[in-house]
């Protein structure tokens, strides 16, 4: 039985990308595909994101997550830093706060622009449930919020993060972290995907704590995934089900596609996915049977993270260990503003 420690690896701190490259499409791309049973562990080649086009075939469907990051991090009463991560059906938000145990339900706090928030509830895993006492939460966040850069960047938001920590195709507001594999794409690259005979589908998963929260238990079955809301419409599902291959850009796209594939198993009605507009807490680890995705473009992930577990399920743990060792040796840039890898699904 695999444990969390099986997904650990050494990563020099100087390989963590704290800033984006000057150009979105300048990133390197490590291509990882399984070998034949007698041909070694894995095939690895060093390419660039512009070479992504060379791996497309007519009839492919390339699936992006178009959720837009909100400036989700803000100060309340000048001493509580809160990072929103999930909207609720009753108009409230859950937010992480280091000092949340000092706050009680019913207590009101004031933001930098004078807006008040009310503490509705507390939860050990999710933090604070907050109600904004205003008409337009997103307008308030535009005034007082900062982009929720991951803590491993070890810096505050800078002016260009407002644009660079968004994909060029982002639209519906709702994520507290960027779907970072999409950060490499320019409008020109998107147009060229279609010129190669592939089709683009923009689905929506609002990235929350479920995507990036660390695994704190050694037993994988004990890890609790937070729910995130996603949507694949009927029309989008029809295109995806007609694909020659489905290429997911980012683990968030893959998680939503596979959630829709699991939903489809309950209905046994569609080729790959059923239409899906609801929350998902899917946790993909080695042994998972993929039902929707054939190819995955993704950035490099944290040791012992749910996302490294996911890519290990997709392409094989020994294969990903070899690929990451190569990436470290070749000084690829890791994490949100880092380089990417193109992974082909390993057949069982």
C-alpha atoms as a PDB file:
ATOM      1  CA  UNK A   1       0.000   0.000   0.000  1.00  0.00           C
ATOM      2  CA  UNK A   2       1.376   3.409  -1.006  1.00  0.00           C
ATOM      3  CA  UNK A   3       1.724   6.085   1.660  1.00  0.00           C
ATOM      4  CA  UNK A   4       2.300   9.825   1.487  1.00  0.00           C
ATOM      5  CA  UNK A   5       6.042   9.368   1.980  1.00  0.00           C
ATOM      6  CA  UNK A   6       6.222   7.418  -1.300  1.00  0.00           C
ATOM      7  CA  UNK A   7       5.529  10.697  -3.104  1.00  0.00           C
ATOM      8  CA  UNK A   8       8.388  12.655  -1.546  1.00  0.00           C
ATOM      9  CA  UNK A   9      11.404  13.915  -3.490  1.00  0.00           C
ATOM     10  CA  UNK A  10      14.290  16.330  -3.048  1.00  0.00           C
ATOM     11  CA  UNK A  11      13.842  19.749  -4.625  1.00  0.00           C
ATOM     12  CA  UNK A  12      16.514  22.479  -4.422  1.00  0.00           C
ATOM     13  CA  UNK A  13      14.911  25.741  -3.352  1.00  0.00           C
ATOM     14  CA  UNK A  14      16.541  27.656  -6.213  1.00  0.00           C
ATOM     15  CA  UNK A  15      14.343  25.767  -8.704  1.00  0.00           C
ATOM     16  CA  UNK A  16      11.123  27.218  -7.263  1.00  0.00           C
ATOM     17  CA  UNK A  17       9.917  29.931  -9.637  1.00  0.00           C
ATOM     18  CA  UNK A  18       8.960  33.017  -7.636  1.00  0.00           C
ATOM     19  CA  UNK A  19       8.338  35.201 -10.711  1.00  0.00           C
ATOM     20  CA  UNK A  20       6.995  34.511 -14.206  1.00  0.00           C
ATOM     21  CA  UNK A  21       9.178  34.608 -17.299  1.00  0.00           C
ATOM     22  CA  UNK A  22       8.950  37.804 -19.377  1.00  0.00           C
ATOM     23  CA  UNK A  23       6.955  35.932 -22.047  1.00  0.00           C
ATOM     24  CA  UNK A  24       4.184  33.425 -21.328  1.00  0.00           C
ATOM     25  CA  UNK A  25       5.194  31.069 -24.127  1.00  0.00           C
ATOM     26  CA  UNK A  26       8.902  30.951 -23.213  1.00  0.00           C
ATOM     27  CA  UNK A  27       8.561  28.054 -20.774  1.00  0.00           C
ATOM     28  CA  UNK A  28      10.214  24.701 -21.202  1.00  0.00           C
ATOM     29  CA  UNK A  29       8.124  21.560 -21.579  1.00  0.00           C
ATOM     30  CA  UNK A  30       9.280  18.116 -20.481  1.00  0.00           C
ATOM     31  CA  UNK A  31       7.562  15.408 -22.539  1.00  0.00           C
ATOM     32  CA  UNK A  32       7.013  12.155 -20.644  1.00  0.00           C
ATOM     33  CA  UNK A  33       5.647   9.004 -22.254  1.00  0.00           C
ATOM     34  CA  UNK A  34       5.794   5.363 -21.108  1.00  0.00           C
ATOM     35  CA  UNK A  35       8.216   2.963 -22.752  1.00  0.00           C
ATOM     36  CA  UNK A  36       7.419  -0.479 -24.054  1.00  0.00           C
ATOM     37  CA  UNK A  37       7.650  -3.211 -21.394  1.00  0.00           C
ATOM     38  CA  UNK A  38      11.254  -3.973 -22.406  1.00  0.00           C
ATOM     39  CA  UNK A  39      12.370  -0.427 -23.193  1.00  0.00           C
ATOM     40  CA  UNK A  40      13.176   1.042 -19.783  1.00  0.00           C
ATOM     41  CA  UNK A  41      11.118   3.089 -17.380  1.00  0.00           C
ATOM     42  CA  UNK A  42      10.121   6.122 -19.416  1.00  0.00           C
ATOM     43  CA  UNK A  43      10.759   8.205 -22.547  1.00  0.00           C
ATOM     44  CA  UNK A  44      11.760  11.789 -21.721  1.00  0.00           C
ATOM     45  CA  UNK A  45      12.487  14.662 -24.087  1.00  0.00           C
ATOM     46  CA  UNK A  46      13.241  18.336 -23.436  1.00  0.00           C
ATOM     47  CA  UNK A  47      11.044  20.669 -25.464  1.00  0.00           C
ATOM     48  CA  UNK A  48       9.318  24.062 -25.198  1.00  0.00           C
ATOM     49  CA  UNK A  49       5.673  24.980 -24.742  1.00  0.00           C
ATOM     50  CA  UNK A  50       5.469  26.123 -28.384  1.00  0.00           C
ATOM     51  CA  UNK A  51       6.212  22.488 -29.320  1.00  0.00           C
ATOM     52  CA  UNK A  52       2.874  21.538 -27.739  1.00  0.00           C
ATOM     53  CA  UNK A  53       1.390  22.073 -31.183  1.00  0.00           C
ATOM     54  CA  UNK A  54       3.517  19.275 -32.638  1.00  0.00           C
ATOM     55  CA  UNK A  55       1.751  16.743 -30.417  1.00  0.00           C
ATOM     56  CA  UNK A  56      -1.733  17.625 -31.622  1.00  0.00           C
ATOM     57  CA  UNK A  57      -3.760  15.596 -34.085  1.00  0.00           C
ATOM     58  CA  UNK A  58      -6.909  16.546 -36.024  1.00  0.00           C
ATOM     59  CA  UNK A  59      -9.891  15.528 -33.931  1.00  0.00           C
ATOM     60  CA  UNK A  60      -8.205  16.198 -30.588  1.00  0.00           C
ATOM     61  CA  UNK A  61     -10.099  18.265 -28.030  1.00  0.00           C
ATOM     62  CA  UNK A  62      -7.958  20.470 -25.790  1.00  0.00           C
ATOM     63  CA  UNK A  63      -9.738  21.270 -22.529  1.00  0.00           C
ATOM     64  CA  UNK A  64      -8.898  24.390 -20.511  1.00  0.00           C
ATOM     65  CA  UNK A  65     -10.150  25.586 -17.129  1.00  0.00           C
ATOM     66  CA  UNK A  66     -11.301  29.174 -17.663  1.00  0.00           C
ATOM     67  CA  UNK A  67     -11.909  30.133 -14.027  1.00  0.00           C
ATOM     68  CA  UNK A  68     -10.557  33.558 -13.082  1.00  0.00           C
ATOM     69  CA  UNK A  69      -8.581  34.182  -9.890  1.00  0.00           C
ATOM     70  CA  UNK A  70     -10.032  36.668  -7.432  1.00  0.00           C
ATOM     71  CA  UNK A  71      -7.834  38.905  -5.238  1.00  0.00           C
ATOM     72  CA  UNK A  72      -8.779  36.616  -2.382  1.00  0.00           C
ATOM     73  CA  UNK A  73      -6.286  37.667   0.314  1.00  0.00           C
ATOM     74  CA  UNK A  74      -7.058  40.655   2.540  1.00  0.00           C
ATOM     75  CA  UNK A  75      -6.624  42.080   6.037  1.00  0.00           C
ATOM     76  CA  UNK A  76      -9.444  42.457   8.539  1.00  0.00           C
ATOM     77  CA  UNK A  77      -9.158  44.749  11.581  1.00  0.00           C
ATOM     78  CA  UNK A  78      -5.542  45.299  10.455  1.00  0.00           C
ATOM     79  CA  UNK A  79      -4.405  42.052  12.101  1.00  0.00           C
ATOM     80  CA  UNK A  80      -6.242  39.063  10.610  1.00  0.00           C
ATOM     81  CA  UNK A  81      -5.068  37.936   7.176  1.00  0.00           C
ATOM     82  CA  UNK A  82      -7.836  35.971   5.480  1.00  0.00           C
ATOM     83  CA  UNK A  83      -7.641  34.047   2.190  1.00  0.00           C
ATOM     84  CA  UNK A  84     -10.982  33.098   0.684  1.00  0.00           C
ATOM     85  CA  UNK A  85     -11.182  29.666  -0.914  1.00  0.00           C
ATOM     86  CA  UNK A  86     -14.806  28.543  -1.401  1.00  0.00           C
ATOM     87  CA  UNK A  87     -18.127  30.292  -2.001  1.00  0.00           C
ATOM     88  CA  UNK A  88     -21.223  28.752  -0.406  1.00  0.00           C
ATOM     89  CA  UNK A  89     -24.810  28.480  -1.580  1.00  0.00           C
ATOM     90  CA  UNK A  90     -25.983  30.988   1.027  1.00  0.00           C
ATOM     91  CA  UNK A  91     -23.786  33.788  -0.300  1.00  0.00           C
ATOM     92  CA  UNK A  92     -21.001  33.370   2.234  1.00  0.00           C
ATOM     93  CA  UNK A  93     -17.363  32.365   1.766  1.00  0.00           C
ATOM     94  CA  UNK A  94     -14.993  30.068   3.585  1.00  0.00           C
ATOM     95  CA  UNK A  95     -11.562  31.559   4.223  1.00  0.00           C
ATOM     96  CA  UNK A  96      -8.317  30.429   5.781  1.00  0.00           C
ATOM     97  CA  UNK A  97      -6.935  32.490   8.669  1.00  0.00           C
ATOM     98  CA  UNK A  98      -4.003  31.629  10.942  1.00  0.00           C
ATOM     99  CA  UNK A  99      -5.657  33.195  13.999  1.00  0.00           C
ATOM    100  CA  UNK A 100      -9.185  31.996  13.305  1.00  0.00           C
ATOM    101  CA  UNK A 101      -9.610  30.414  16.762  1.00  0.00           C
ATOM    102  CA  UNK A 102      -9.470  33.900  18.278  1.00  0.00           C
ATOM    103  CA  UNK A 103     -12.614  34.859  16.375  1.00  0.00           C
ATOM    104  CA  UNK A 104     -16.160  33.864  17.326  1.00  0.00           C
ATOM    105  CA  UNK A 105     -19.372  33.500  15.321  1.00  0.00           C
ATOM    106  CA  UNK A 106     -21.285  36.773  15.321  1.00  0.00           C
ATOM    107  CA  UNK A 107     -18.132  38.879  15.565  1.00  0.00           C
ATOM    108  CA  UNK A 108     -17.744  41.640  12.957  1.00  0.00           C
ATOM    109  CA  UNK A 109     -14.472  42.796  11.431  1.00  0.00           C
ATOM    110  CA  UNK A 110     -13.652  45.830   9.285  1.00  0.00           C
ATOM    111  CA  UNK A 111     -11.707  45.750   6.024  1.00  0.00           C
ATOM    112  CA  UNK A 112      -9.378  48.467   4.754  1.00  0.00           C
ATOM    113  CA  UNK A 113     -12.138  50.214   2.765  1.00  0.00           C
ATOM    114  CA  UNK A 114     -14.566  50.226   5.685  1.00  0.00           C
ATOM    115  CA  UNK A 115     -16.596  47.204   4.547  1.00  0.00           C
ATOM    116  CA  UNK A 116     -17.629  44.913   7.384  1.00  0.00           C
ATOM    117  CA  UNK A 117     -17.653  41.139   7.417  1.00  0.00           C
ATOM    118  CA  UNK A 118     -19.372  38.880   9.933  1.00  0.00           C
ATOM    119  CA  UNK A 119     -18.002  35.584  11.214  1.00  0.00           C
ATOM    120  CA  UNK A 120     -20.694  32.952  10.681  1.00  0.00           C
ATOM    121  CA  UNK A 121     -18.903  29.738  11.692  1.00  0.00           C
ATOM    122  CA  UNK A 122     -15.533  28.076  12.330  1.00  0.00           C
ATOM    123  CA  UNK A 123     -14.121  24.786  11.110  1.00  0.00           C
ATOM    124  CA  UNK A 124     -10.736  23.207  11.785  1.00  0.00           C
ATOM    125  CA  UNK A 125     -10.224  22.238   8.129  1.00  0.00           C
ATOM    126  CA  UNK A 126     -11.927  25.108   6.308  1.00  0.00           C
ATOM    127  CA  UNK A 127     -11.215  28.042   8.658  1.00  0.00           C
ATOM    128  CA  UNK A 128     -13.819  30.798   8.880  1.00  0.00           C
ATOM    129  CA  UNK A 129     -17.204  31.083   7.234  1.00  0.00           C
ATOM    130  CA  UNK A 130     -17.652  34.765   6.409  1.00  0.00           C
ATOM    131  CA  UNK A 131     -20.573  36.931   5.315  1.00  0.00           C
ATOM    132  CA  UNK A 132     -19.722  40.168   3.512  1.00  0.00           C
ATOM    133  CA  UNK A 133     -22.034  42.981   4.620  1.00  0.00           C
ATOM    134  CA  UNK A 134     -22.113  44.613   1.205  1.00  0.00           C
ATOM    135  CA  UNK A 135     -23.820  44.355  -2.184  1.00  0.00           C
ATOM    136  CA  UNK A 136     -20.815  43.404  -4.348  1.00  0.00           C
ATOM    137  CA  UNK A 137     -18.140  41.142  -2.851  1.00  0.00           C
ATOM    138  CA  UNK A 138     -15.949  41.189  -5.945  1.00  0.00           C
ATOM    139  CA  UNK A 139     -15.911  44.998  -6.048  1.00  0.00           C
ATOM    140  CA  UNK A 140     -14.746  45.034  -2.415  1.00  0.00           C
ATOM    141  CA  UNK A 141     -12.035  42.481  -3.154  1.00  0.00           C
ATOM    142  CA  UNK A 142     -10.820  44.591  -6.083  1.00  0.00           C
ATOM    143  CA  UNK A 143     -10.275  47.425  -3.611  1.00  0.00           C
ATOM    144  CA  UNK A 144      -8.802  45.602  -0.628  1.00  0.00           C
ATOM    145  CA  UNK A 145      -7.645  42.204  -1.863  1.00  0.00           C
ATOM    146  CA  UNK A 146      -4.341  40.857  -3.110  1.00  0.00           C
ATOM    147  CA  UNK A 147      -3.698  38.001  -5.491  1.00  0.00           C
ATOM    148  CA  UNK A 148      -3.319  34.843  -3.365  1.00  0.00           C
ATOM    149  CA  UNK A 149       0.192  33.911  -4.434  1.00  0.00           C
ATOM    150  CA  UNK A 150       1.299  30.539  -3.032  1.00  0.00           C
ATOM    151  CA  UNK A 151       3.400  30.779   0.139  1.00  0.00           C
ATOM    152  CA  UNK A 152       6.414  29.094  -1.471  1.00  0.00           C
ATOM    153  CA  UNK A 153       6.974  32.224  -3.585  1.00  0.00           C
ATOM    154  CA  UNK A 154       7.905  33.992  -0.325  1.00  0.00           C
ATOM    155  CA  UNK A 155       6.952  37.449  -1.566  1.00  0.00           C
ATOM    156  CA  UNK A 156       4.063  39.888  -1.664  1.00  0.00           C
ATOM    157  CA  UNK A 157       1.913  40.573  -4.698  1.00  0.00           C
ATOM    158  CA  UNK A 158       3.469  42.843  -7.319  1.00  0.00           C
ATOM    159  CA  UNK A 159       1.621  44.916  -9.901  1.00  0.00           C
ATOM    160  CA  UNK A 160       2.154  42.496 -12.796  1.00  0.00           C
ATOM    161  CA  UNK A 161       0.767  39.542 -10.784  1.00  0.00           C
ATOM    162  CA  UNK A 162      -2.749  40.905 -11.342  1.00  0.00           C
ATOM    163  CA  UNK A 163      -2.346  40.019 -15.013  1.00  0.00           C
ATOM    164  CA  UNK A 164       0.265  37.264 -15.040  1.00  0.00           C
ATOM    165  CA  UNK A 165      -1.424  35.124 -12.370  1.00  0.00           C
ATOM    166  CA  UNK A 166      -4.403  34.839 -14.737  1.00  0.00           C
ATOM    167  CA  UNK A 167      -4.759  32.872 -17.949  1.00  0.00           C
ATOM    168  CA  UNK A 168      -5.416  34.958 -21.053  1.00  0.00           C
ATOM    169  CA  UNK A 169      -8.772  33.192 -21.499  1.00  0.00           C
ATOM    170  CA  UNK A 170     -10.000  33.451 -17.885  1.00  0.00           C
ATOM    171  CA  UNK A 171     -13.569  34.623 -17.480  1.00  0.00           C
ATOM    172  CA  UNK A 172     -15.865  33.564 -14.600  1.00  0.00           C
ATOM    173  CA  UNK A 173     -14.578  34.814 -11.246  1.00  0.00           C
ATOM    174  CA  UNK A 174     -14.194  32.297  -8.448  1.00  0.00           C
ATOM    175  CA  UNK A 175     -10.720  30.753  -8.004  1.00  0.00           C
ATOM    176  CA  UNK A 176      -8.315  31.330  -5.135  1.00  0.00           C
ATOM    177  CA  UNK A 177      -5.422  29.896  -7.148  1.00  0.00           C
ATOM    178  CA  UNK A 178      -4.627  29.966 -10.837  1.00  0.00           C
ATOM    179  CA  UNK A 179      -5.018  26.902 -13.069  1.00  0.00           C
ATOM    180  CA  UNK A 180      -1.328  27.312 -13.706  1.00  0.00           C
ATOM    181  CA  UNK A 181      -0.779  25.036 -16.723  1.00  0.00           C
ATOM    182  CA  UNK A 182      -2.824  27.555 -18.685  1.00  0.00           C
ATOM    183  CA  UNK A 183      -0.487  30.431 -17.833  1.00  0.00           C
ATOM    184  CA  UNK A 184       1.832  29.357 -20.680  1.00  0.00           C
ATOM    185  CA  UNK A 185      -0.706  30.026 -23.429  1.00  0.00           C
ATOM    186  CA  UNK A 186      -0.959  33.166 -25.551  1.00  0.00           C
ATOM    187  CA  UNK A 187      -3.827  34.131 -27.889  1.00  0.00           C
ATOM    188  CA  UNK A 188      -1.581  33.223 -30.814  1.00  0.00           C
ATOM    189  CA  UNK A 189      -0.890  29.765 -29.420  1.00  0.00           C
ATOM    190  CA  UNK A 190      -4.606  29.206 -28.828  1.00  0.00           C
ATOM    191  CA  UNK A 191      -5.376  30.186 -32.412  1.00  0.00           C
ATOM    192  CA  UNK A 192      -2.737  27.799 -33.700  1.00  0.00           C
ATOM    193  CA  UNK A 193      -4.293  24.899 -31.757  1.00  0.00           C
ATOM    194  CA  UNK A 194      -7.441  25.347 -33.820  1.00  0.00           C
ATOM    195  CA  UNK A 195      -5.424  25.754 -37.026  1.00  0.00           C
ATOM    196  CA  UNK A 196      -3.925  22.310 -36.401  1.00  0.00           C
ATOM    197  CA  UNK A 197      -7.384  20.726 -36.530  1.00  0.00           C
ATOM    198  CA  UNK A 198      -7.923  20.429 -32.776  1.00  0.00           C
ATOM    199  CA  UNK A 199     -10.842  21.959 -30.908  1.00  0.00           C
ATOM    200  CA  UNK A 200     -10.774  23.987 -27.688  1.00  0.00           C
ATOM    201  CA  UNK A 201     -13.323  23.595 -24.897  1.00  0.00           C
ATOM    202  CA  UNK A 202     -13.301  25.935 -21.891  1.00  0.00           C
ATOM    203  CA  UNK A 203     -14.814  24.283 -18.830  1.00  0.00           C
ATOM    204  CA  UNK A 204     -14.925  25.840 -15.351  1.00  0.00           C
ATOM    205  CA  UNK A 205     -13.570  24.585 -12.035  1.00  0.00           C
ATOM    206  CA  UNK A 206     -13.262  27.235  -9.332  1.00  0.00           C
ATOM    207  CA  UNK A 207      -9.978  26.289  -7.704  1.00  0.00           C
ATOM    208  CA  UNK A 208     -10.202  26.111  -3.925  1.00  0.00           C
ATOM    209  CA  UNK A 209      -8.495  24.409  -1.039  1.00  0.00           C
ATOM    210  CA  UNK A 210      -9.136  20.952  -2.495  1.00  0.00           C
ATOM    211  CA  UNK A 211      -6.531  21.413  -5.214  1.00  0.00           C
ATOM    212  CA  UNK A 212      -3.588  22.568  -3.147  1.00  0.00           C
ATOM    213  CA  UNK A 213      -4.080  21.742   0.559  1.00  0.00           C
ATOM    214  CA  UNK A 214      -1.158  19.590   1.811  1.00  0.00           C
ATOM    215  CA  UNK A 215      -1.577  15.957   2.744  1.00  0.00           C
ATOM    216  CA  UNK A 216      -0.990  15.711   6.497  1.00  0.00           C
ATOM    217  CA  UNK A 217      -1.669  11.996   6.939  1.00  0.00           C
ATOM    218  CA  UNK A 218       0.609   9.157   5.857  1.00  0.00           C
ATOM    219  CA  UNK A 219      -2.415   7.009   5.061  1.00  0.00           C
ATOM    220  CA  UNK A 220      -3.833   8.400   1.800  1.00  0.00           C
ATOM    221  CA  UNK A 221      -7.349   7.197   2.625  1.00  0.00           C
ATOM    222  CA  UNK A 222      -7.427   9.514   5.650  1.00  0.00           C
ATOM    223  CA  UNK A 223      -6.818  12.697   3.636  1.00  0.00           C
ATOM    224  CA  UNK A 224      -9.885  14.917   3.339  1.00  0.00           C
ATOM    225  CA  UNK A 225     -10.327  16.710   0.016  1.00  0.00           C
ATOM    226  CA  UNK A 226     -12.228  20.006   0.076  1.00  0.00           C
ATOM    227  CA  UNK A 227     -15.048  20.336  -2.434  1.00  0.00           C
ATOM    228  CA  UNK A 228     -14.723  22.629  -5.438  1.00  0.00           C
ATOM    229  CA  UNK A 229     -17.482  23.693  -7.825  1.00  0.00           C
ATOM    230  CA  UNK A 230     -17.180  22.866 -11.516  1.00  0.00           C
ATOM    231  CA  UNK A 231     -19.300  22.794 -14.639  1.00  0.00           C
ATOM    232  CA  UNK A 232     -19.266  20.961 -17.977  1.00  0.00           C
ATOM    233  CA  UNK A 233     -22.346  21.880 -20.007  1.00  0.00           C
ATOM    234  CA  UNK A 234     -24.340  19.575 -22.263  1.00  0.00           C
ATOM    235  CA  UNK A 235     -22.807  21.175 -25.368  1.00  0.00           C
ATOM    236  CA  UNK A 236     -19.277  20.867 -23.984  1.00  0.00           C
ATOM    237  CA  UNK A 237     -19.824  17.235 -23.002  1.00  0.00           C
ATOM    238  CA  UNK A 238     -20.983  16.472 -26.544  1.00  0.00           C
ATOM    239  CA  UNK A 239     -17.759  17.883 -28.014  1.00  0.00           C
ATOM    240  CA  UNK A 240     -15.603  16.050 -25.462  1.00  0.00           C
ATOM    241  CA  UNK A 241     -17.392  12.777 -26.111  1.00  0.00           C
ATOM    242  CA  UNK A 242     -16.703  13.117 -29.842  1.00  0.00           C
ATOM    243  CA  UNK A 243     -12.967  13.684 -29.382  1.00  0.00           C
ATOM    244  CA  UNK A 244     -10.293  11.515 -30.920  1.00  0.00           C
ATOM    245  CA  UNK A 245      -8.227  12.280 -27.820  1.00  0.00           C
ATOM    246  CA  UNK A 246      -8.932  14.497 -24.820  1.00  0.00           C
ATOM    247  CA  UNK A 247      -5.989  16.663 -23.769  1.00  0.00           C
ATOM    248  CA  UNK A 248      -6.462  18.293 -20.369  1.00  0.00           C
ATOM    249  CA  UNK A 249      -4.571  21.509 -19.733  1.00  0.00           C
ATOM    250  CA  UNK A 250      -3.955  21.407 -16.004  1.00  0.00           C
ATOM    251  CA  UNK A 251      -4.843  19.088 -13.159  1.00  0.00           C
ATOM    252  CA  UNK A 252      -7.953  21.134 -12.382  1.00  0.00           C
ATOM    253  CA  UNK A 253      -9.292  20.439 -15.882  1.00  0.00           C
ATOM    254  CA  UNK A 254      -8.455  16.768 -15.449  1.00  0.00           C
ATOM    255  CA  UNK A 255     -10.134  16.544 -12.042  1.00  0.00           C
ATOM    256  CA  UNK A 256     -13.346  18.031 -13.414  1.00  0.00           C
ATOM    257  CA  UNK A 257     -13.276  15.814 -16.514  1.00  0.00           C
ATOM    258  CA  UNK A 258     -12.739  12.707 -14.410  1.00  0.00           C
ATOM    259  CA  UNK A 259     -15.497  13.793 -12.016  1.00  0.00           C
ATOM    260  CA  UNK A 260     -17.786  13.959 -15.035  1.00  0.00           C
ATOM    261  CA  UNK A 261     -16.502  10.558 -16.176  1.00  0.00           C
ATOM    262  CA  UNK A 262     -17.344   9.058 -12.776  1.00  0.00           C
ATOM    263  CA  UNK A 263     -20.772  10.678 -13.027  1.00  0.00           C
ATOM    264  CA  UNK A 264     -21.099   9.071 -16.455  1.00  0.00           C
ATOM    265  CA  UNK A 265     -20.420   5.617 -15.006  1.00  0.00           C
ATOM    266  CA  UNK A 266     -23.557   6.020 -12.936  1.00  0.00           C
ATOM    267  CA  UNK A 267     -25.551   6.722 -16.093  1.00  0.00           C
ATOM    268  CA  UNK A 268     -23.639   4.584 -18.662  1.00  0.00           C
ATOM    269  CA  UNK A 269     -24.999   6.947 -21.288  1.00  0.00           C
ATOM    270  CA  UNK A 270     -22.035   8.775 -22.825  1.00  0.00           C
ATOM    271  CA  UNK A 271     -18.691   7.848 -24.397  1.00  0.00           C
ATOM    272  CA  UNK A 272     -16.491   9.719 -21.913  1.00  0.00           C
ATOM    273  CA  UNK A 273     -18.265  12.253 -19.692  1.00  0.00           C
ATOM    274  CA  UNK A 274     -21.735  13.219 -18.612  1.00  0.00           C
ATOM    275  CA  UNK A 275     -22.727  16.875 -18.260  1.00  0.00           C
ATOM    276  CA  UNK A 276     -21.677  17.955 -14.784  1.00  0.00           C
ATOM    277  CA  UNK A 277     -22.453  21.138 -12.818  1.00  0.00           C
ATOM    278  CA  UNK A 278     -21.888  20.534  -9.113  1.00  0.00           C
ATOM    279  CA  UNK A 279     -19.149  20.211  -6.500  1.00  0.00           C
ATOM    280  CA  UNK A 280     -16.425  17.586  -6.591  1.00  0.00           C
ATOM    281  CA  UNK A 281     -13.938  16.307  -4.022  1.00  0.00           C
ATOM    282  CA  UNK A 282     -12.300  13.738  -6.310  1.00  0.00           C
ATOM    283  CA  UNK A 283      -8.921  12.504  -5.024  1.00  0.00           C
ATOM    284  CA  UNK A 284      -6.923  10.666  -7.689  1.00  0.00           C
ATOM    285  CA  UNK A 285      -4.134   8.333  -6.591  1.00  0.00           C
ATOM    286  CA  UNK A 286      -2.340   5.395  -8.262  1.00  0.00           C
ATOM    287  CA  UNK A 287      -4.794   2.641  -9.096  1.00  0.00           C
ATOM    288  CA  UNK A 288      -7.461   5.060 -10.324  1.00  0.00           C
ATOM    289  CA  UNK A 289      -9.027   4.061 -13.674  1.00  0.00           C
ATOM    290  CA  UNK A 290      -9.163   7.106 -15.965  1.00  0.00           C
ATOM    291  CA  UNK A 291     -12.305   7.493 -18.012  1.00  0.00           C
ATOM    292  CA  UNK A 292     -11.930  10.790 -19.876  1.00  0.00           C
ATOM    293  CA  UNK A 293      -8.379  12.096 -20.302  1.00  0.00           C
ATOM    294  CA  UNK A 294      -5.688  10.750 -22.648  1.00  0.00           C
ATOM    295  CA  UNK A 295      -3.007  13.450 -22.378  1.00  0.00           C
ATOM    296  CA  UNK A 296      -2.227  15.974 -19.618  1.00  0.00           C
ATOM    297  CA  UNK A 297      -0.267  19.215 -19.745  1.00  0.00           C
ATOM    298  CA  UNK A 298       0.650  20.308 -16.226  1.00  0.00           C
ATOM    299  CA  UNK A 299       3.258  22.185 -14.224  1.00  0.00           C
ATOM    300  CA  UNK A 300       5.644  20.523 -11.760  1.00  0.00           C
ATOM    301  CA  UNK A 301       4.104  19.897  -8.352  1.00  0.00           C
ATOM    302  CA  UNK A 302       5.042  19.908  -4.676  1.00  0.00           C
ATOM    303  CA  UNK A 303       6.484  16.812  -3.001  1.00  0.00           C
ATOM    304  CA  UNK A 304       3.854  14.720  -1.161  1.00  0.00           C
ATOM    305  CA  UNK A 305       1.032  16.768  -2.706  1.00  0.00           C
ATOM    306  CA  UNK A 306      -2.278  15.486  -4.028  1.00  0.00           C
ATOM    307  CA  UNK A 307      -1.241  16.780  -7.454  1.00  0.00           C
ATOM    308  CA  UNK A 308       1.994  14.769  -7.563  1.00  0.00           C
ATOM    309  CA  UNK A 309      -0.120  11.778  -6.565  1.00  0.00           C
ATOM    310  CA  UNK A 310      -2.474  12.576  -9.447  1.00  0.00           C
ATOM    311  CA  UNK A 311       0.260  12.729 -12.106  1.00  0.00           C
ATOM    312  CA  UNK A 312       1.735   9.524 -10.676  1.00  0.00           C
ATOM    313  CA  UNK A 313      -1.645   7.868 -11.128  1.00  0.00           C
ATOM    314  CA  UNK A 314      -1.782   9.163 -14.698  1.00  0.00           C
ATOM    315  CA  UNK A 315       1.713   8.277 -15.918  1.00  0.00           C
ATOM    316  CA  UNK A 316       3.047   5.904 -13.243  1.00  0.00           C
ATOM    317  CA  UNK A 317       4.952   6.596 -10.020  1.00  0.00           C
ATOM    318  CA  UNK A 318       8.353   5.245 -11.217  1.00  0.00           C
ATOM    319  CA  UNK A 319       7.910   7.214 -14.446  1.00  0.00           C
ATOM    320  CA  UNK A 320       7.182  10.451 -12.614  1.00  0.00           C
ATOM    321  CA  UNK A 321      10.020   9.907 -10.164  1.00  0.00           C
ATOM    322  CA  UNK A 322      12.376   9.509 -13.132  1.00  0.00           C
ATOM    323  CA  UNK A 323      10.897  12.532 -14.898  1.00  0.00           C
ATOM    324  CA  UNK A 324      11.173  14.770 -11.845  1.00  0.00           C
ATOM    325  CA  UNK A 325      14.757  13.643 -11.230  1.00  0.00           C
ATOM    326  CA  UNK A 326      15.525  14.639 -14.811  1.00  0.00           C
ATOM    327  CA  UNK A 327      13.755  17.974 -14.343  1.00  0.00           C
ATOM    328  CA  UNK A 328      15.799  18.729 -11.239  1.00  0.00           C
ATOM    329  CA  UNK A 329      19.060  17.771 -12.962  1.00  0.00           C
ATOM    330  CA  UNK A 330      18.197  19.948 -15.965  1.00  0.00           C
ATOM    331  CA  UNK A 331      17.105  22.835 -13.721  1.00  0.00           C
ATOM    332  CA  UNK A 332      13.505  23.120 -14.819  1.00  0.00           C
ATOM    333  CA  UNK A 333      11.525  25.786 -12.977  1.00  0.00           C
ATOM    334  CA  UNK A 334       8.969  24.354 -10.540  1.00  0.00           C
ATOM    335  CA  UNK A 335       5.436  25.178  -9.365  1.00  0.00           C
ATOM    336  CA  UNK A 336       2.955  27.918 -10.339  1.00  0.00           C
ATOM    337  CA  UNK A 337       5.217  30.241 -12.350  1.00  0.00           C
ATOM    338  CA  UNK A 338       7.443  27.393 -13.473  1.00  0.00           C
ATOM    339  CA  UNK A 339       7.822  25.179 -16.537  1.00  0.00           C
ATOM    340  CA  UNK A 340       5.473  22.409 -17.598  1.00  0.00           C
ATOM    341  CA  UNK A 341       5.384  18.773 -18.643  1.00  0.00           C
ATOM    342  CA  UNK A 342       3.319  16.924 -21.221  1.00  0.00           C
ATOM    343  CA  UNK A 343       2.204  13.533 -19.922  1.00  0.00           C
ATOM    344  CA  UNK A 344       0.699  10.600 -21.779  1.00  0.00           C
ATOM    345  CA  UNK A 345      -1.571   8.264 -19.896  1.00  0.00           C
ATOM    346  CA  UNK A 346       0.012   4.963 -18.928  1.00  0.00           C
ATOM    347  CA  UNK A 347      -2.181   2.067 -19.851  1.00  0.00           C
ATOM    348  CA  UNK A 348      -2.869  -0.426 -17.092  1.00  0.00           C
END
